[in-house]
Amino acid sequence: MKKGENLVIVGCGGVGAPAAMLSRKLMPGVNITLIRAEDRFIVR
């Protein structure tokens, strides 16, 4: 991926969170968004 592009990862329970962390290490110039389900909607 090129610098400035967006990567959206849906799900955090299985491999979503590790994939997001690894993606951030391998592609530091890419914007990463992690979407996960929560009981209460919290903006982080």
Protein backbone atom coordinates (compact mmCIF):
# COMPACT_ATOMS: atom_id res chain seq x y z
CA MET A 1 0.00 0.00 0.00
CA LYS A 2 1.08 3.56 -0.62
CA LYS A 3 1.67 6.24 1.97
CA GLY A 4 -1.56 8.03 2.92
CA GLU A 5 -3.91 5.19 1.93
CA ASN A 6 -6.48 3.79 4.36
CA LEU A 7 -6.74 0.25 5.72
CA VAL A 8 -9.93 -0.80 7.52
CA ILE A 9 -9.91 -3.94 9.68
CA VAL A 10 -13.28 -5.27 10.85
CA GLY A 11 -13.32 -7.36 14.02
CA CYS A 12 -11.01 -7.52 16.98
CA GLY A 13 -11.74 -10.85 18.64
CA GLY A 14 -9.74 -13.27 16.52
CA VAL A 15 -6.87 -11.91 14.47
CA GLY A 16 -8.13 -8.34 13.95
CA ALA A 17 -6.12 -6.71 16.73
CA PRO A 18 -2.84 -8.52 15.94
CA ALA A 19 -3.34 -7.74 12.24
CA ALA A 20 -3.79 -4.04 13.05
CA MET A 21 -0.66 -3.97 15.20
CA LEU A 22 1.43 -5.81 12.61
CA SER A 23 0.09 -3.59 9.82
CA ARG A 24 1.10 -0.50 11.77
CA LYS A 25 4.66 -1.85 12.12
CA LEU A 26 4.98 -2.93 8.49
CA MET A 27 3.23 0.08 6.91
CA PRO A 28 3.76 3.14 9.14
CA GLY A 29 2.52 5.58 6.47
CA VAL A 30 -0.89 3.90 6.08
CA ASN A 31 -3.93 5.06 8.09
CA ILE A 32 -5.37 2.07 9.96
CA THR A 33 -8.93 1.94 11.31
CA LEU A 34 -10.02 -0.93 13.56
CA ILE A 35 -13.78 -1.51 13.85
CA ARG A 36 -14.98 -3.55 16.79
CA ALA A 37 -18.32 -4.25 18.47
CA GLU A 38 -18.87 -2.86 21.96
CA ASP A 39 -21.77 -2.83 24.36
CA ARG A 40 -21.49 0.92 24.71
CA PHE A 41 -20.42 3.16 21.87
CA ILE A 42 -17.17 4.87 22.88
CA VAL A 43 -15.14 7.11 20.60
CA ARG A 44 -11.44 6.44 21.07
